[in-house]
Protein backbone atom coordinates (compact mmCIF):
# COMPACT_ATOMS: atom_id res chain seq x y z
CA MET A 1 -36.11 1.52 2.38
CA SER A 2 -33.36 0.97 -0.17
CA ARG A 3 -33.30 -0.78 -3.51
CA ILE A 4 -30.46 -3.29 -3.33
CA ALA A 5 -28.93 -5.35 -6.14
CA ILE A 6 -27.23 -8.52 -4.97
CA GLY A 7 -25.19 -11.18 -6.72
CA SER A 8 -22.82 -14.00 -5.94
CA ASP A 9 -20.93 -16.89 -7.38
CA HIS A 10 -21.54 -20.47 -6.26
CA ALA A 11 -19.41 -20.02 -3.11
CA GLY A 12 -21.51 -17.06 -1.99
CA TYR A 13 -24.89 -18.47 -3.02
CA THR A 14 -25.99 -19.75 0.40
CA LEU A 15 -25.03 -16.50 2.16
CA LYS A 16 -26.68 -14.49 -0.61
CA SER A 17 -29.94 -16.41 -0.18
CA HIS A 18 -29.80 -15.78 3.56
CA LEU A 19 -29.13 -12.05 3.16
CA VAL A 20 -31.92 -11.65 0.59
CA GLY A 21 -34.31 -12.93 3.25
CA VAL A 22 -32.87 -10.64 5.90
CA LEU A 23 -33.10 -7.59 3.63
CA GLU A 24 -36.63 -8.32 2.47
CA SER A 25 -37.80 -8.96 6.04
CA VAL A 26 -36.95 -5.36 6.97
CA GLY A 27 -38.54 -3.86 3.86
CA HIS A 28 -35.74 -3.45 1.34
CA HIS A 29 -36.48 -4.11 -2.33
CA VAL A 30 -33.93 -6.70 -3.48
CA SER A 31 -32.95 -7.53 -7.05
CA ASP A 32 -31.22 -10.93 -7.06
CA LEU A 33 -28.96 -10.96 -10.13
CA GLY A 34 -27.66 -14.50 -9.66
CA THR A 35 -26.33 -17.05 -9.36
CA HIS A 36 -29.32 -19.16 -8.43
CA SER A 37 -27.61 -22.38 -7.30
CA THR A 38 -24.39 -23.79 -5.90
CA ASP A 39 -23.35 -25.01 -9.36
CA SER A 40 -19.91 -23.67 -10.27
CA CYS A 41 -20.07 -20.39 -12.18
CA ASP A 42 -17.94 -17.38 -13.05
CA TYR A 43 -18.46 -14.30 -10.87
CA PRO A 44 -17.30 -11.42 -13.12
CA PRO A 45 -20.50 -11.03 -15.20
CA ILE A 46 -22.70 -11.29 -12.11
CA CYS A 47 -20.72 -8.72 -10.13
CA ALA A 48 -20.58 -6.38 -13.12
CA ALA A 49 -24.37 -6.66 -13.39
CA VAL A 50 -24.69 -5.59 -9.74
CA GLY A 51 -22.35 -2.66 -10.41
CA ARG A 52 -24.32 -1.62 -13.49
CA ALA A 53 -27.58 -1.72 -11.53
CA VAL A 54 -26.05 0.74 -9.06
CA ARG A 55 -24.46 2.89 -11.76
CA ASP A 56 -27.66 3.06 -13.79
CA GLY A 57 -29.82 3.98 -10.79
CA ARG A 58 -31.81 0.75 -10.69
CA ALA A 59 -30.37 0.10 -7.22
CA ASP A 60 -29.26 2.41 -4.45
CA LEU A 61 -26.57 0.00 -3.25
CA GLY A 62 -25.12 -3.34 -4.29
CA ILE A 63 -23.81 -6.46 -2.58
CA VAL A 64 -21.47 -9.01 -4.13
CA LEU A 65 -20.50 -12.26 -2.45
CA GLY A 66 -18.04 -15.03 -3.15
CA GLY A 67 -15.63 -17.29 -1.32
CA SER A 68 -13.27 -14.52 -0.25
CA GLY A 69 -15.06 -11.51 -1.75
CA GLN A 70 -11.81 -10.37 -3.37
CA GLY A 71 -12.52 -11.22 -7.00
CA GLU A 72 -16.10 -10.07 -6.64
CA GLN A 73 -14.94 -6.67 -5.41
CA LEU A 74 -12.48 -6.41 -8.29
CA ALA A 75 -15.13 -7.30 -10.86
CA ALA A 76 -17.67 -4.81 -9.49
CA ASN A 77 -15.02 -2.08 -9.43
CA LYS A 78 -14.50 -2.45 -13.20
CA VAL A 79 -17.87 -0.74 -13.67
CA ARG A 80 -17.45 3.01 -13.94
CA GLY A 81 -18.84 4.79 -10.91
CA VAL A 82 -18.73 1.78 -8.63
CA ARG A 83 -16.84 1.99 -5.35
CA ALA A 84 -16.95 -1.60 -4.13
CA ALA A 85 -15.37 -2.33 -0.76
CA LEU A 86 -14.35 -5.69 0.65
CA CYS A 87 -15.66 -5.64 4.21
CA ASN A 88 -15.18 -8.76 6.28
CA ASP A 89 -15.38 -6.85 9.57
CA LEU A 90 -17.43 -4.05 11.09
CA TYR A 91 -14.72 -1.39 11.03
CA THR A 92 -14.08 -1.62 7.29
CA ALA A 93 -17.84 -1.59 6.62
CA ARG A 94 -18.21 1.65 8.57
CA MET A 95 -15.16 3.29 7.00
CA ALA A 96 -16.11 2.18 3.48
CA ARG A 97 -19.36 4.13 3.76
CA SER A 98 -18.32 7.07 5.93
CA HIS A 99 -14.99 7.87 4.26
CA ASN A 100 -15.18 6.30 0.78
CA ASN A 101 -18.90 6.53 0.02
CA ALA A 102 -18.77 2.89 -1.09
CA ASN A 103 -21.86 1.89 -3.04
CA VAL A 104 -21.19 -1.85 -3.30
CA LEU A 105 -20.43 -4.14 -0.36
CA SER A 106 -18.31 -7.22 -0.99
CA MET A 107 -18.00 -10.06 1.52
CA GLY A 108 -16.42 -13.49 1.59
CA ALA A 109 -18.82 -16.28 2.50
CA ARG A 110 -15.86 -18.48 3.45
CA VAL A 111 -14.54 -15.70 5.70
CA VAL A 112 -17.63 -14.50 7.55
CA GLY A 113 -20.54 -16.51 8.90
CA GLU A 114 -24.17 -15.54 8.60
CA GLY A 115 -24.25 -13.69 11.92
CA LEU A 116 -21.23 -11.52 11.20
CA ALA A 117 -22.40 -10.95 7.63
CA GLU A 118 -25.71 -9.63 8.97
CA GLU A 119 -23.85 -7.27 11.31
CA ILE A 120 -21.53 -6.04 8.53
CA LEU A 121 -24.51 -5.46 6.27
CA ALA A 122 -26.38 -3.56 8.99
CA VAL A 123 -23.39 -1.27 9.61
CA PHE A 124 -22.88 -0.71 5.86
CA LEU A 125 -26.55 0.21 5.38
CA ALA A 126 -26.78 2.41 8.47
CA THR A 127 -23.60 4.43 7.91
CA ASP A 128 -23.82 7.71 6.01
CA PHE A 129 -21.07 9.33 3.97
CA GLU A 130 -19.38 12.02 6.07
CA GLY A 131 -18.55 14.27 3.14
CA GLY A 132 -16.14 17.08 3.99
CA ARG A 133 -12.52 16.23 3.24
CA HIS A 134 -13.67 12.81 2.04
CA GLU A 135 -15.67 14.37 -0.83
CA ARG A 136 -12.44 15.68 -2.31
CA ARG A 137 -10.88 12.22 -2.17
CA VAL A 138 -13.88 10.46 -3.68
CA ALA A 139 -13.85 13.08 -6.46
CA GLN A 140 -10.16 12.33 -7.05
CA LEU A 141 -11.02 8.64 -7.44
CA ALA A 142 -13.63 9.57 -10.04
CA ASP A 143 -11.06 11.75 -11.83
CA ILE A 144 -8.58 8.87 -11.99
CA GLU A 145 -11.31 6.57 -13.28
CA ALA A 146 -12.25 9.05 -16.03
CA GLU A 147 -8.61 9.57 -16.98
CA GLU A 148 -7.99 5.84 -17.28
CA ALA A 149 -11.19 5.35 -19.29
CA GLY A 150 -9.81 7.76 -21.87
CA ARG A 151 -6.66 5.71 -22.47
């Protein structure tokens, strides 16, 4: 089973709590990096912490959740080495893993319900990176990231 880091803002808290239970029930080790209530909070530090857990090898994959998932994806993607994908449907979840080797899943709790979120998560976790021509493209993303870090 995988080690998964998960985090959300207040809007994603309820869905996060639900998904933690789902993940643990099938044997995944989950690190819940916050938030721990529905009290209003800022998502960037939480999502960056999830990204750092993935980057540093403390987690195999990450999940970030918010109202739309947009800002959470952006925040996680600021961490070098993170490829966070906003996936509010099954197709983008599959493509994010198979073509982009995404290592952080972002979802919007105000966009998807618990049932769809579970399905998206299952597809994300079950889909392997295809490699091949996609390896070249993922490497190009890493090259761009390294180039921009040097500016």
